[in-house]
N, C-alpha and C. Protein backbone atom coordinates (compact mmCIF):
# COMPACT_ATOMS: atom_id res chain seq x y z
N LEU A 1 69.01 119.14 59.75
CA LEU A 1 69.46 119.56 57.88
C LEU A 1 70.74 120.27 58.24
N GLY A 2 71.39 120.29 59.45
CA GLY A 2 72.45 121.02 59.52
C GLY A 2 72.49 122.42 59.28
N THR A 3 74.17 122.70 59.45
CA THR A 3 74.09 124.45 59.34
C THR A 3 75.17 124.47 58.34
N ARG A 4 75.21 125.85 58.19
CA ARG A 4 76.55 126.10 57.28
C ARG A 4 76.70 128.00 57.67
N ILE A 5 78.44 128.18 57.48
CA ILE A 5 78.49 129.31 58.19
C ILE A 5 78.73 130.70 56.72
N LEU A 6 77.95 131.44 56.76
CA LEU A 6 78.07 132.18 55.17
C LEU A 6 79.06 133.59 55.66
N ASP A 7 79.79 133.93 55.12
CA ASP A 7 80.67 135.17 55.24
C ASP A 7 80.60 136.27 54.10
N MET A 8 79.50 137.01 54.04
CA MET A 8 79.23 137.87 52.57
C MET A 8 80.61 138.55 52.67
N SER A 9 81.43 138.92 53.33
CA SER A 9 82.67 139.24 53.08
C SER A 9 83.52 138.93 51.74
N LEU A 10 83.47 137.68 51.85
CA LEU A 10 83.81 136.29 50.28
C LEU A 10 83.05 137.13 49.26
N TYR A 11 81.73 137.88 49.21
CA TYR A 11 80.89 138.03 48.20
C TYR A 11 80.80 139.42 47.88
N PRO A 12 81.98 140.30 47.51
CA PRO A 12 81.83 142.13 47.95
C PRO A 12 81.32 142.26 46.61
N THR A 13 80.93 141.47 45.53
CA THR A 13 80.43 142.23 44.60
C THR A 13 79.11 141.60 44.51
N ALA A 14 78.30 140.94 45.53
CA ALA A 14 77.11 140.14 45.32
C ALA A 14 76.17 141.32 45.57
N THR A 15 74.86 141.17 44.35
CA THR A 15 73.78 142.14 44.05
C THR A 15 72.13 141.74 45.21
N SER A 16 72.46 140.37 44.92
CA SER A 16 71.14 139.79 45.20
C SER A 16 71.19 138.37 46.07
N VAL A 17 70.61 138.20 46.98
CA VAL A 17 70.74 137.02 48.01
C VAL A 17 69.06 136.36 47.99
N VAL A 18 68.95 135.19 47.40
CA VAL A 18 67.72 134.48 47.77
C VAL A 18 67.76 133.21 48.63
N PHE A 19 66.68 132.87 48.85
CA PHE A 19 66.51 131.39 49.99
C PHE A 19 65.45 130.76 49.12
N LYS A 20 66.15 129.38 48.35
CA LYS A 20 65.35 128.52 48.10
C LYS A 20 65.08 127.25 48.47
N ALA A 21 64.27 126.18 48.40
CA ALA A 21 64.16 125.31 48.87
C ALA A 21 63.15 124.55 48.27
N ASP A 22 62.99 123.04 48.40
CA ASP A 22 62.16 122.16 47.70
C ASP A 22 61.43 120.86 48.27
N ILE A 23 60.20 121.57 48.77
CA ILE A 23 59.28 120.81 49.70
C ILE A 23 58.10 119.75 49.52
N GLU A 24 57.87 118.93 50.19
CA GLU A 24 56.91 117.96 49.69
C GLU A 24 56.31 117.51 51.27
N ASN A 25 55.12 116.84 51.12
CA ASN A 25 54.20 116.10 52.13
C ASN A 25 54.22 114.66 51.08
N THR A 26 54.65 113.72 51.92
CA THR A 26 54.60 112.19 51.83
C THR A 26 53.18 111.87 50.93
N THR A 27 51.82 112.33 51.70
CA THR A 27 51.03 112.48 51.09
C THR A 27 49.60 113.31 50.47
N HIS A 28 48.94 112.80 50.05
CA HIS A 28 48.07 114.32 49.10
C HIS A 28 46.92 114.92 50.40
N SER A 29 47.38 115.07 51.16
CA SER A 29 46.64 115.82 52.43
C SER A 29 46.25 117.19 52.22
N ALA A 30 45.02 117.35 51.93
CA ALA A 30 44.61 119.14 52.17
C ALA A 30 44.63 119.15 53.73
N SER A 31 45.04 118.51 54.53
CA SER A 31 44.65 119.18 55.88
C SER A 31 46.10 119.56 56.52
N TRP A 32 46.90 119.39 55.98
CA TRP A 32 48.11 119.84 56.85
C TRP A 32 49.71 120.50 55.62
N TYR A 33 50.06 121.11 55.86
CA TYR A 33 51.30 121.66 54.86
C TYR A 33 52.46 121.65 55.30
N ALA A 34 53.52 121.49 54.60
CA ALA A 34 55.11 121.89 55.23
C ALA A 34 55.70 122.56 55.28
N GLU A 35 56.65 123.12 56.15
CA GLU A 35 56.75 125.06 56.15
C GLU A 35 58.39 124.83 56.33
N VAL A 36 58.74 125.78 55.72
CA VAL A 36 60.69 125.97 55.86
C VAL A 36 60.67 127.45 56.29
N ARG A 37 61.97 127.44 57.05
CA ARG A 37 62.37 129.24 56.65
C ARG A 37 64.06 128.71 57.44
N LEU A 38 64.84 130.16 57.40
CA LEU A 38 65.85 129.86 57.51
C LEU A 38 66.09 130.53 58.80
N PHE A 39 67.15 130.29 59.76
CA PHE A 39 67.33 130.86 60.73
C PHE A 39 68.78 130.83 61.29
N ASP A 40 68.89 131.98 61.49
CA ASP A 40 70.59 132.52 62.14
C ASP A 40 70.71 132.37 63.30
N ILE A 41 71.47 131.21 63.71
CA ILE A 41 71.97 131.03 64.80
C ILE A 41 72.82 131.97 65.38
N THR A 42 73.76 132.48 64.92
CA THR A 42 74.31 133.34 65.29
C THR A 42 73.93 134.30 66.21
N HIS A 43 73.11 135.17 65.69
CA HIS A 43 71.88 136.18 66.42
C HIS A 43 70.91 135.53 66.93
N ASN A 44 70.32 134.15 66.93
CA ASN A 44 69.27 133.69 67.38
C ASN A 44 67.89 134.64 66.82
N VAL A 45 67.58 134.40 65.70
CA VAL A 45 66.61 135.16 64.96
C VAL A 45 66.59 134.37 63.91
N ALA A 46 65.11 134.56 63.18
CA ALA A 46 64.79 134.34 62.05
C ALA A 46 65.16 135.01 60.79
N VAL A 47 65.21 134.76 59.90
CA VAL A 47 65.72 135.47 58.67
C VAL A 47 64.60 135.97 58.06
N THR A 48 64.33 137.16 58.55
CA THR A 48 63.20 138.08 57.63
C THR A 48 62.33 137.72 56.33
N GLY A 49 62.01 137.40 56.02
CA GLY A 49 60.98 137.07 54.28
C GLY A 49 61.40 135.60 53.94
N THR A 50 62.07 134.39 54.87
CA THR A 50 62.53 133.42 54.41
C THR A 50 61.50 131.93 54.47
N THR A 51 60.24 132.34 55.55
CA THR A 51 59.46 131.39 55.74
C THR A 51 58.60 131.28 54.72
N MET A 52 58.55 129.91 54.04
CA MET A 52 57.44 129.87 52.96
C MET A 52 57.23 128.37 53.04
N ASP A 53 55.72 128.17 52.33
CA ASP A 53 54.61 126.67 52.96
C ASP A 53 54.54 126.24 51.38
N ASN A 54 54.02 125.06 51.62
CA ASN A 54 53.07 124.58 50.52
C ASN A 54 51.78 124.13 50.70
N SER A 55 51.09 125.20 51.67
CA SER A 55 49.72 125.43 51.92
C SER A 55 49.03 125.61 50.72
N GLY A 56 49.33 126.15 49.51
CA GLY A 56 48.62 127.05 48.23
C GLY A 56 48.56 126.03 46.98
N GLU A 57 49.52 124.54 47.34
CA GLU A 57 49.99 124.17 46.11
C GLU A 57 48.39 123.29 46.09
N ALA A 58 48.12 122.73 45.15
CA ALA A 58 47.02 121.95 44.59
C ALA A 58 46.93 120.38 45.22
N ASP A 59 48.14 119.81 44.53
CA ASP A 59 48.93 118.39 45.31
C ASP A 59 50.13 118.69 46.04
N ARG A 60 49.96 118.75 47.37
CA ARG A 60 51.20 119.03 48.16
C ARG A 60 52.05 117.87 48.60
N ALA A 61 51.91 116.38 47.53
CA ALA A 61 52.34 115.67 47.57
C ALA A 61 53.44 115.54 46.55
N LEU A 62 53.13 116.50 45.62
CA LEU A 62 54.78 117.03 44.36
C LEU A 62 55.22 117.91 44.98
N VAL A 63 56.88 117.43 44.57
CA VAL A 63 57.73 118.14 44.97
C VAL A 63 57.93 120.23 44.33
N ASP A 64 57.81 120.66 44.82
CA ASP A 64 58.08 122.00 44.44
C ASP A 64 58.65 122.95 44.85
N GLU A 65 59.64 124.08 44.13
CA GLU A 65 60.83 124.68 44.67
C GLU A 65 60.23 125.68 45.05
N PHE A 66 60.43 126.72 45.98
CA PHE A 66 59.60 127.37 46.41
C PHE A 66 60.83 128.79 46.55
N THR A 67 60.88 130.18 46.39
CA THR A 67 61.70 130.89 45.88
C THR A 67 61.31 132.12 47.12
N SER A 68 62.31 132.31 47.88
CA SER A 68 62.04 133.84 48.71
C SER A 68 62.17 135.29 47.96
N ALA A 69 61.59 136.20 48.02
CA ALA A 69 61.88 137.49 47.22
C ALA A 69 63.89 137.85 47.79
N ALA A 70 64.27 138.43 47.07
CA ALA A 70 65.62 139.31 47.38
C ALA A 70 65.48 139.62 49.11
N LEU A 71 66.50 139.15 49.78
CA LEU A 71 66.33 139.41 51.09
C LEU A 71 67.89 140.37 51.25
N THR A 72 67.45 140.60 52.30
CA THR A 72 68.04 142.11 52.94
C THR A 72 69.69 141.74 53.40
N VAL A 73 70.63 142.09 52.62
CA VAL A 73 72.17 141.83 53.27
C VAL A 73 72.04 143.16 53.84
N GLY A 74 72.52 143.17 55.51
CA GLY A 74 73.09 144.25 56.19
C GLY A 74 73.36 143.60 57.41
N SER A 75 73.25 144.38 58.52
CA SER A 75 73.72 144.68 60.03
C SER A 75 72.53 144.18 61.08
N SER A 76 71.66 143.98 60.68
CA SER A 76 70.25 144.05 61.52
C SER A 76 69.63 143.26 61.95
N ALA A 77 68.79 142.67 62.95
CA ALA A 77 68.27 141.23 63.06
C ALA A 77 66.98 140.96 62.03
N GLY A 78 67.60 139.50 61.22
CA GLY A 78 66.60 139.27 60.45
C GLY A 78 67.11 139.42 59.23
N ASP A 79 68.07 140.15 59.01
CA ASP A 79 69.16 140.34 57.67
C ASP A 79 70.11 139.05 57.53
N ILE A 80 70.40 139.03 56.02
CA ILE A 80 71.63 138.02 56.14
C ILE A 80 72.77 138.81 56.44
N ARG A 81 73.61 138.83 57.15
CA ARG A 81 74.42 139.15 58.03
C ARG A 81 75.55 140.16 57.23
N SER A 82 75.72 140.75 56.83
CA SER A 82 76.84 141.21 55.83
C SER A 82 78.45 142.34 57.04
N ASP A 83 78.37 141.49 58.35
CA ASP A 83 79.07 142.74 59.31
C ASP A 83 79.78 141.38 59.81
N VAL A 84 79.29 140.10 60.21
CA VAL A 84 79.95 139.38 60.30
C VAL A 84 79.65 137.67 60.04
N ALA A 85 80.73 137.05 59.92
CA ALA A 85 80.33 135.65 59.38
C ALA A 85 79.34 135.03 60.29
N THR A 86 78.15 134.90 59.97
CA THR A 86 77.32 133.92 60.57
C THR A 86 76.58 132.69 60.14
N GLN A 87 76.43 131.87 61.00
CA GLN A 87 76.06 130.00 61.24
C GLN A 87 74.68 130.50 61.12
N TYR A 88 74.09 129.56 60.04
CA TYR A 88 72.81 129.79 59.75
C TYR A 88 72.38 128.67 59.37
N SER A 89 70.66 128.02 60.01
CA SER A 89 70.18 126.81 59.74
C SER A 89 68.95 126.82 58.82
N VAL A 90 68.72 125.91 58.14
CA VAL A 90 67.08 125.79 57.51
C VAL A 90 66.09 124.98 58.79
N GLN A 91 65.53 125.57 59.04
CA GLN A 91 64.18 124.85 60.20
C GLN A 91 63.08 124.54 59.27
N PHE A 92 62.42 123.50 59.66
CA PHE A 92 61.52 122.72 58.91
C PHE A 92 60.31 122.11 59.65
N ARG A 93 59.01 121.88 59.29
CA ARG A 93 58.07 121.51 59.86
C ARG A 93 56.89 121.30 59.43
N ALA A 94 55.32 120.68 59.93
CA ALA A 94 54.94 120.24 59.15
C ALA A 94 53.76 120.86 60.03
N ASP A 95 52.73 121.30 59.25
CA ASP A 95 51.56 121.97 60.36
C ASP A 95 50.66 121.94 59.90
N GLY A 96 49.04 121.61 60.85
CA GLY A 96 48.21 121.37 60.44
C GLY A 96 47.17 119.93 61.37
N THR A 97 46.68 118.98 60.54
CA THR A 97 46.28 117.93 61.08
C THR A 97 46.74 117.02 60.43
N ILE A 98 47.37 116.09 61.28
CA ILE A 98 48.08 114.95 60.49
C ILE A 98 47.21 114.25 61.34
N THR A 99 46.89 112.87 60.65
CA THR A 99 46.10 112.10 61.19
C THR A 99 46.71 110.61 61.15
N ASP A 100 47.62 110.69 60.63
CA ASP A 100 48.56 109.45 60.31
C ASP A 100 50.01 109.80 60.52
N THR A 101 50.24 109.82 61.59
CA THR A 101 52.08 110.12 61.83
C THR A 101 52.82 108.56 61.50
N ASN A 102 52.40 107.85 61.15
CA ASN A 102 53.37 106.93 60.46
C ASN A 102 53.58 106.55 58.98
N THR A 103 52.84 107.89 58.69
CA THR A 103 52.92 107.30 56.72
C THR A 103 53.15 108.81 56.67
N GLU A 104 52.34 110.02 57.35
CA GLU A 104 52.82 111.38 56.66
C GLU A 104 53.22 111.49 57.30
N ARG A 105 54.53 112.92 56.76
CA ARG A 105 55.82 113.34 56.49
C ARG A 105 56.07 114.77 55.63
N ALA A 106 56.24 115.30 55.88
CA ALA A 106 57.20 116.82 55.46
C ALA A 106 58.32 116.44 54.96
N VAL A 107 58.80 116.66 54.13
CA VAL A 107 60.37 116.52 53.32
C VAL A 107 61.00 117.70 53.02
N ILE A 108 61.83 117.57 53.00
CA ILE A 108 62.69 118.77 52.21
C ILE A 108 63.56 117.82 51.79
N GLY A 109 64.14 118.38 50.18
CA GLY A 109 64.85 117.82 49.19
C GLY A 109 66.36 118.45 48.89
N ASN A 110 66.12 119.90 49.12
CA ASN A 110 67.26 120.66 48.80
C ASN A 110 67.12 122.04 49.47
N ALA A 111 67.68 122.44 50.37
CA ALA A 111 67.66 124.41 50.32
C ALA A 111 68.60 124.67 49.88
N ARG A 112 68.61 126.16 49.92
CA ARG A 112 70.03 126.65 49.54
C ARG A 112 69.93 128.32 49.87
N LEU A 113 70.91 128.99 49.84
CA LEU A 113 71.03 130.28 49.30
C LEU A 113 71.65 130.48 48.31
N VAL A 114 71.05 131.78 47.41
CA VAL A 114 72.07 131.74 46.08
C VAL A 114 72.03 132.97 45.97
N VAL A 115 73.36 133.19 46.04
CA VAL A 115 74.12 134.98 46.39
C VAL A 115 74.95 134.83 44.74
N SER A 116 74.21 135.74 44.29
CA SER A 116 74.75 136.26 42.93
C SER A 116 74.86 137.89 42.84
């Protein structure tokens, strides 16, 4: 999915950071779901509060946008780091019982950090 470096010093007036992702399953299966999270590659830790999945959706084959709560900006493990430019990656997986590996897929259409 690629990586990006975020330098929060470029956003000195930012008051909020959220993680958004559009995810879906390729089939209407209730036996598995798609999960996404933001990972801090620089410090080798998942960003706290960014793990989201579509397990609660009525029809997982329809794309849904998921938005995290406001993320903590700081200098601790799991924060959106403000003390150093940090490289982030989106991690994505399917979880549950997948019966047909030829047709059942987890799909991510878009993932982004929104700094405001």
